[in-house]
Amino acid sequence: METQTQITENWKPINGYKGFYEISDFGRVRGVDRVRKYTQPTTRRESLAKRTGILLSPSIANGYLTVELWKYRKNKRVYVHRLVALTFLKNLKKRRGRKDVNHKKCVKTDNRLENLEFVT
């Protein structure tokens, strides 16, 4: 009988966007389920809006995958491979001044954790 190994996807909050977005070690970005309070402009009544977290669709810029993150009506376009590296490769002592993220297999759209490393 063959045994199947099950690969699990690990999710962590994105630094600076905790409670808004999470990133996985597979290089996928999703919004977090949350409830937001807002005031209706016409009646000035306060209401609650439930926001369901969904996977973000990345765009391509310079050959790399990017996503647009929103927080308090401000947006920021970021590279997905940098988010994965900064979230999962956090050991700053090992970085030793290395700030660039390299794709080991030279495929710019492969943002899995196993394919990324910090370089100078």
N, C-alpha and C. Protein backbone atom coordinates (compact mmCIF):
# COMPACT_ATOMS: atom_id res chain seq x y z
N MET A 1 0.83 -1.17 0.00
CA MET A 1 0.00 0.00 0.00
C MET A 1 0.88 1.25 0.00
N GLU A 2 0.55 2.21 -0.85
CA GLU A 2 1.31 3.45 -0.91
C GLU A 2 0.80 4.42 0.14
N THR A 3 1.74 5.12 0.75
CA THR A 3 1.34 6.15 1.70
C THR A 3 1.48 7.51 1.03
N GLN A 4 0.50 8.34 1.22
CA GLN A 4 0.54 9.67 0.64
C GLN A 4 0.98 10.66 1.71
N THR A 5 1.94 11.49 1.34
CA THR A 5 2.35 12.54 2.27
C THR A 5 1.51 13.77 1.99
N GLN A 6 1.03 14.34 3.04
CA GLN A 6 0.18 15.51 2.90
C GLN A 6 1.00 16.75 3.21
N ILE A 7 1.03 17.67 2.27
CA ILE A 7 1.78 18.91 2.43
C ILE A 7 0.83 19.97 2.98
N THR A 8 1.23 20.59 4.08
CA THR A 8 0.39 21.62 4.67
C THR A 8 0.95 23.00 4.33
N GLU A 9 0.05 23.90 4.14
CA GLU A 9 0.40 25.29 3.83
C GLU A 9 0.35 26.08 5.13
N ASN A 10 1.45 26.72 5.49
CA ASN A 10 1.53 27.49 6.72
C ASN A 10 1.24 28.96 6.43
N TRP A 11 0.38 29.56 7.22
CA TRP A 11 0.01 30.96 7.05
C TRP A 11 0.49 31.76 8.24
N LYS A 12 1.02 32.98 7.97
CA LYS A 12 1.45 33.90 9.02
C LYS A 12 0.99 35.30 8.65
N PRO A 13 0.74 36.14 9.67
CA PRO A 13 0.36 37.52 9.37
C PRO A 13 1.54 38.28 8.76
N ILE A 14 1.23 39.20 7.86
CA ILE A 14 2.25 40.03 7.23
C ILE A 14 2.63 41.15 8.18
N ASN A 15 3.91 41.35 8.36
CA ASN A 15 4.41 42.39 9.26
C ASN A 15 3.89 43.76 8.81
N GLY A 16 3.27 44.49 9.74
CA GLY A 16 2.69 45.78 9.44
C GLY A 16 1.25 45.71 8.97
N TYR A 17 0.77 44.50 8.67
CA TYR A 17 -0.60 44.31 8.20
C TYR A 17 -1.31 43.22 9.00
N LYS A 18 -0.91 43.03 10.25
CA LYS A 18 -1.53 42.01 11.10
C LYS A 18 -3.01 42.36 11.29
N GLY A 19 -3.86 41.38 11.12
CA GLY A 19 -5.29 41.59 11.19
C GLY A 19 -5.90 41.97 9.86
N PHE A 20 -5.06 42.20 8.85
CA PHE A 20 -5.54 42.56 7.52
C PHE A 20 -5.19 41.49 6.49
N TYR A 21 -3.92 41.04 6.47
CA TYR A 21 -3.46 40.10 5.45
C TYR A 21 -2.55 39.04 6.07
N GLU A 22 -2.53 37.87 5.42
CA GLU A 22 -1.63 36.78 5.78
C GLU A 22 -0.94 36.28 4.52
N ILE A 23 0.24 35.67 4.69
CA ILE A 23 0.97 35.10 3.57
C ILE A 23 1.34 33.66 3.92
N SER A 24 1.39 32.81 2.90
CA SER A 24 1.73 31.41 3.14
C SER A 24 3.14 31.13 2.66
N ASP A 25 3.67 29.99 3.10
CA ASP A 25 5.01 29.60 2.66
C ASP A 25 4.99 29.10 1.21
N PHE A 26 3.81 29.04 0.60
CA PHE A 26 3.69 28.73 -0.83
C PHE A 26 3.68 29.99 -1.68
N GLY A 27 3.69 31.16 -1.04
CA GLY A 27 3.71 32.41 -1.78
C GLY A 27 2.34 32.93 -2.15
N ARG A 28 1.32 32.56 -1.38
CA ARG A 28 -0.03 33.05 -1.64
C ARG A 28 -0.41 34.06 -0.55
N VAL A 29 -1.16 35.09 -0.93
CA VAL A 29 -1.56 36.15 0.00
C VAL A 29 -3.08 36.15 0.09
N ARG A 30 -3.59 36.27 1.33
CA ARG A 30 -5.04 36.32 1.51
C ARG A 30 -5.39 37.40 2.53
N GLY A 31 -6.61 37.91 2.39
CA GLY A 31 -7.14 38.83 3.37
C GLY A 31 -7.64 38.04 4.56
N VAL A 32 -7.74 38.70 5.70
CA VAL A 32 -8.20 38.05 6.93
C VAL A 32 -9.67 38.39 7.13
N ASP A 33 -10.46 37.41 7.59
CA ASP A 33 -11.86 37.67 7.92
C ASP A 33 -11.90 38.69 9.06
N ARG A 34 -12.71 39.73 8.88
CA ARG A 34 -12.80 40.75 9.93
C ARG A 34 -14.13 41.48 9.84
N VAL A 35 -14.48 42.15 10.92
CA VAL A 35 -15.68 42.96 10.98
C VAL A 35 -15.24 44.41 11.12
N ARG A 36 -15.83 45.27 10.31
CA ARG A 36 -15.44 46.67 10.29
C ARG A 36 -16.65 47.53 10.65
N LYS A 37 -16.44 48.53 11.51
CA LYS A 37 -17.50 49.45 11.88
C LYS A 37 -17.42 50.66 10.96
N TYR A 38 -18.54 51.10 10.42
CA TYR A 38 -18.55 52.28 9.57
C TYR A 38 -19.84 53.07 9.80
N THR A 39 -19.83 54.32 9.39
CA THR A 39 -20.99 55.18 9.51
C THR A 39 -21.58 55.40 8.13
N GLN A 40 -22.89 55.18 8.00
CA GLN A 40 -23.55 55.39 6.71
C GLN A 40 -23.61 56.89 6.44
N PRO A 41 -23.21 57.31 5.24
CA PRO A 41 -23.12 58.74 4.96
C PRO A 41 -24.46 59.48 4.97
N THR A 42 -25.53 58.83 4.55
CA THR A 42 -26.82 59.54 4.46
C THR A 42 -27.56 59.61 5.79
N THR A 43 -27.52 58.54 6.56
CA THR A 43 -28.29 58.49 7.81
C THR A 43 -27.44 58.69 9.06
N ARG A 44 -26.13 58.66 8.90
CA ARG A 44 -25.19 58.80 10.03
C ARG A 44 -25.36 57.70 11.08
N ARG A 45 -25.89 56.55 10.66
CA ARG A 45 -26.03 55.41 11.56
C ARG A 45 -24.79 54.55 11.48
N GLU A 46 -24.39 54.02 12.61
CA GLU A 46 -23.24 53.12 12.62
C GLU A 46 -23.70 51.71 12.28
N SER A 47 -22.91 51.05 11.45
CA SER A 47 -23.21 49.69 11.05
C SER A 47 -21.93 48.86 11.08
N LEU A 48 -22.11 47.56 11.03
CA LEU A 48 -20.97 46.65 10.97
C LEU A 48 -20.96 45.97 9.61
N ALA A 49 -19.78 45.87 9.04
CA ALA A 49 -19.63 45.18 7.75
C ALA A 49 -18.66 44.04 7.94
N LYS A 50 -19.11 42.85 7.57
CA LYS A 50 -18.24 41.68 7.66
C LYS A 50 -17.46 41.55 6.36
N ARG A 51 -16.13 41.47 6.46
CA ARG A 51 -15.28 41.31 5.29
C ARG A 51 -14.71 39.90 5.33
N THR A 52 -14.98 39.15 4.31
CA THR A 52 -14.49 37.78 4.23
C THR A 52 -13.14 37.79 3.52
N GLY A 53 -12.17 37.15 4.13
CA GLY A 53 -10.84 37.09 3.54
C GLY A 53 -10.81 36.19 2.32
N ILE A 54 -10.20 36.68 1.26
CA ILE A 54 -10.07 35.91 0.03
C ILE A 54 -8.63 35.97 -0.44
N LEU A 55 -8.26 35.05 -1.31
CA LEU A 55 -6.93 35.06 -1.90
C LEU A 55 -6.81 36.25 -2.85
N LEU A 56 -5.69 36.94 -2.78
CA LEU A 56 -5.45 38.06 -3.68
C LEU A 56 -4.87 37.55 -4.99
N SER A 57 -5.28 38.17 -6.07
CA SER A 57 -4.74 37.83 -7.39
C SER A 57 -3.52 38.70 -7.65
N PRO A 58 -2.35 38.09 -7.82
CA PRO A 58 -1.16 38.89 -8.04
C PRO A 58 -1.07 39.44 -9.46
N SER A 59 -0.35 40.53 -9.59
CA SER A 59 -0.02 41.12 -10.89
C SER A 59 1.46 40.85 -11.15
N ILE A 60 1.90 41.14 -12.36
CA ILE A 60 3.32 40.97 -12.68
C ILE A 60 3.94 42.33 -12.94
N ALA A 61 5.07 42.61 -12.27
CA ALA A 61 5.83 43.83 -12.48
C ALA A 61 7.30 43.45 -12.55
N ASN A 62 7.96 43.79 -13.63
CA ASN A 62 9.37 43.45 -13.84
C ASN A 62 9.62 41.94 -13.78
N GLY A 63 8.62 41.15 -14.11
CA GLY A 63 8.75 39.70 -14.10
C GLY A 63 8.44 39.05 -12.77
N TYR A 64 8.23 39.84 -11.73
CA TYR A 64 7.95 39.33 -10.38
C TYR A 64 6.47 39.51 -10.05
N LEU A 65 5.93 38.64 -9.21
CA LEU A 65 4.55 38.76 -8.77
C LEU A 65 4.43 39.82 -7.69
N THR A 66 3.42 40.68 -7.81
CA THR A 66 3.17 41.71 -6.82
C THR A 66 1.71 41.66 -6.39
N VAL A 67 1.43 42.18 -5.20
CA VAL A 67 0.05 42.33 -4.72
C VAL A 67 -0.09 43.73 -4.15
N GLU A 68 -1.31 44.20 -4.11
CA GLU A 68 -1.60 45.52 -3.55
C GLU A 68 -2.26 45.32 -2.19
N LEU A 69 -1.63 45.84 -1.15
CA LEU A 69 -2.14 45.72 0.21
C LEU A 69 -2.75 47.05 0.62
N TRP A 70 -3.92 46.99 1.24
CA TRP A 70 -4.63 48.18 1.69
C TRP A 70 -4.74 48.16 3.21
N LYS A 71 -4.55 49.36 3.80
CA LYS A 71 -4.72 49.50 5.25
C LYS A 71 -5.09 50.96 5.52
N TYR A 72 -6.23 51.17 6.13
CA TYR A 72 -6.71 52.51 6.46
C TYR A 72 -6.72 53.43 5.23
N ARG A 73 -7.31 52.94 4.15
CA ARG A 73 -7.48 53.69 2.90
C ARG A 73 -6.19 54.07 2.20
N LYS A 74 -5.10 53.44 2.57
CA LYS A 74 -3.83 53.65 1.88
C LYS A 74 -3.38 52.32 1.30
N ASN A 75 -2.84 52.38 0.09
CA ASN A 75 -2.41 51.15 -0.54
C ASN A 75 -0.90 51.14 -0.75
N LYS A 76 -0.38 49.93 -0.90
CA LYS A 76 1.05 49.74 -1.13
C LYS A 76 1.21 48.50 -2.00
N ARG A 77 1.96 48.63 -3.08
CA ARG A 77 2.24 47.49 -3.96
C ARG A 77 3.57 46.88 -3.52
N VAL A 78 3.56 45.57 -3.24
CA VAL A 78 4.74 44.89 -2.73
C VAL A 78 5.00 43.61 -3.52
N TYR A 79 6.27 43.22 -3.56
CA TYR A 79 6.65 41.96 -4.21
C TYR A 79 6.33 40.79 -3.28
N VAL A 80 5.73 39.76 -3.83
CA VAL A 80 5.32 38.60 -3.04
C VAL A 80 6.55 37.87 -2.50
N HIS A 81 7.62 37.73 -3.28
CA HIS A 81 8.79 37.00 -2.81
C HIS A 81 9.44 37.69 -1.61
N ARG A 82 9.39 39.04 -1.56
CA ARG A 82 9.93 39.75 -0.40
C ARG A 82 9.07 39.51 0.83
N LEU A 83 7.75 39.47 0.65
CA LEU A 83 6.86 39.19 1.79
C LEU A 83 7.12 37.81 2.37
N VAL A 84 7.28 36.81 1.50
CA VAL A 84 7.54 35.44 1.97
C VAL A 84 8.87 35.40 2.73
N ALA A 85 9.91 36.00 2.16
CA ALA A 85 11.23 35.96 2.80
C ALA A 85 11.23 36.70 4.13
N LEU A 86 10.65 37.89 4.17
CA LEU A 86 10.64 38.67 5.41
C LEU A 86 9.77 38.04 6.49
N THR A 87 8.76 37.28 6.09
CA THR A 87 7.88 36.65 7.07
C THR A 87 8.43 35.33 7.58
N PHE A 88 8.99 34.51 6.71
CA PHE A 88 9.40 33.16 7.11
C PHE A 88 10.91 33.01 7.32
N LEU A 89 11.73 33.87 6.72
CA LEU A 89 13.18 33.80 6.93
C LEU A 89 13.59 34.93 7.85
N LYS A 90 13.07 34.91 9.07
CA LYS A 90 13.24 36.03 9.97
C LYS A 90 14.53 36.03 10.78
N ASN A 91 15.33 35.00 10.71
CA ASN A 91 16.52 34.95 11.55
C ASN A 91 17.51 36.02 11.10
N LEU A 92 17.49 37.15 11.78
CA LEU A 92 18.30 38.30 11.37
C LEU A 92 19.79 38.06 11.53
N LYS A 93 20.21 37.20 12.46
CA LYS A 93 21.63 36.92 12.64
C LYS A 93 22.19 36.21 11.41
N LYS A 94 21.40 35.35 10.79
CA LYS A 94 21.86 34.65 9.60
C LYS A 94 21.89 35.57 8.38
N ARG A 95 21.09 36.63 8.39
CA ARG A 95 21.04 37.53 7.24
C ARG A 95 22.34 38.31 7.08
N ARG A 96 22.93 38.74 8.16
CA ARG A 96 24.22 39.47 8.16
C ARG A 96 24.32 40.51 7.05
N GLY A 97 23.40 41.44 7.01
CA GLY A 97 23.45 42.51 6.03
C GLY A 97 22.90 42.14 4.67
N ARG A 98 22.43 40.94 4.51
CA ARG A 98 21.86 40.52 3.24
C ARG A 98 20.45 41.07 3.14
N LYS A 99 20.18 41.83 2.09
CA LYS A 99 18.87 42.44 1.99
C LYS A 99 18.12 42.07 0.72
N ASP A 100 18.80 41.50 -0.26
CA ASP A 100 18.13 41.11 -1.50
C ASP A 100 17.63 39.68 -1.39
N VAL A 101 16.52 39.41 -2.05
CA VAL A 101 15.94 38.06 -2.04
C VAL A 101 16.20 37.43 -3.40
N ASN A 102 16.78 36.24 -3.39
CA ASN A 102 17.13 35.52 -4.60
C ASN A 102 16.20 34.33 -4.79
N HIS A 103 15.82 34.08 -6.05
CA HIS A 103 15.09 32.87 -6.40
C HIS A 103 16.14 31.82 -6.78
N LYS A 104 16.26 30.77 -6.00
CA LYS A 104 17.29 29.75 -6.21
C LYS A 104 17.19 29.09 -7.58
N LYS A 105 15.97 28.82 -8.05
CA LYS A 105 15.79 28.13 -9.32
C LYS A 105 15.65 29.09 -10.50
N CYS A 106 15.87 30.39 -10.26
CA CYS A 106 15.83 31.44 -11.29
C CYS A 106 14.47 31.59 -11.95
N VAL A 107 13.42 31.15 -11.29
CA VAL A 107 12.05 31.33 -11.80
C VAL A 107 11.42 32.43 -10.95
N LYS A 108 11.24 33.61 -11.53
CA LYS A 108 10.80 34.78 -10.78
C LYS A 108 9.39 34.65 -10.22
N THR A 109 8.58 33.77 -10.76
CA THR A 109 7.21 33.62 -10.28
C THR A 109 7.05 32.46 -9.29
N ASP A 110 8.13 31.75 -8.98
CA ASP A 110 8.08 30.66 -8.00
C ASP A 110 8.44 31.24 -6.64
N ASN A 111 7.42 31.59 -5.86
CA ASN A 111 7.63 32.27 -4.58
C ASN A 111 7.49 31.35 -3.38
N ARG A 112 7.69 30.05 -3.58
CA ARG A 112 7.65 29.14 -2.44
C ARG A 112 8.87 29.37 -1.56
N LEU A 113 8.71 29.15 -0.28
CA LEU A 113 9.77 29.39 0.69
C LEU A 113 11.04 28.62 0.36
N GLU A 114 10.90 27.39 -0.11
CA GLU A 114 12.08 26.57 -0.42
C GLU A 114 12.89 27.12 -1.59
N ASN A 115 12.33 28.03 -2.36
CA ASN A 115 13.02 28.59 -3.53
C ASN A 115 13.64 29.96 -3.24
N LEU A 116 13.51 30.48 -2.02
CA LEU A 116 13.99 31.82 -1.72
C LEU A 116 15.13 31.82 -0.71
N GLU A 117 16.01 32.83 -0.86
CA GLU A 117 17.11 33.01 0.08
C GLU A 117 17.53 34.47 0.08
N PHE A 118 18.12 34.93 1.17
CA PHE A 118 18.66 36.28 1.24
C PHE A 118 20.08 36.27 0.68
N VAL A 119 20.41 37.27 -0.14
CA VAL A 119 21.76 37.41 -0.69
C VAL A 119 22.19 38.87 -0.58
N THR A 120 23.46 39.12 -0.82
CA THR A 120 23.97 40.50 -0.81
C THR A 120 23.90 41.10 -2.19
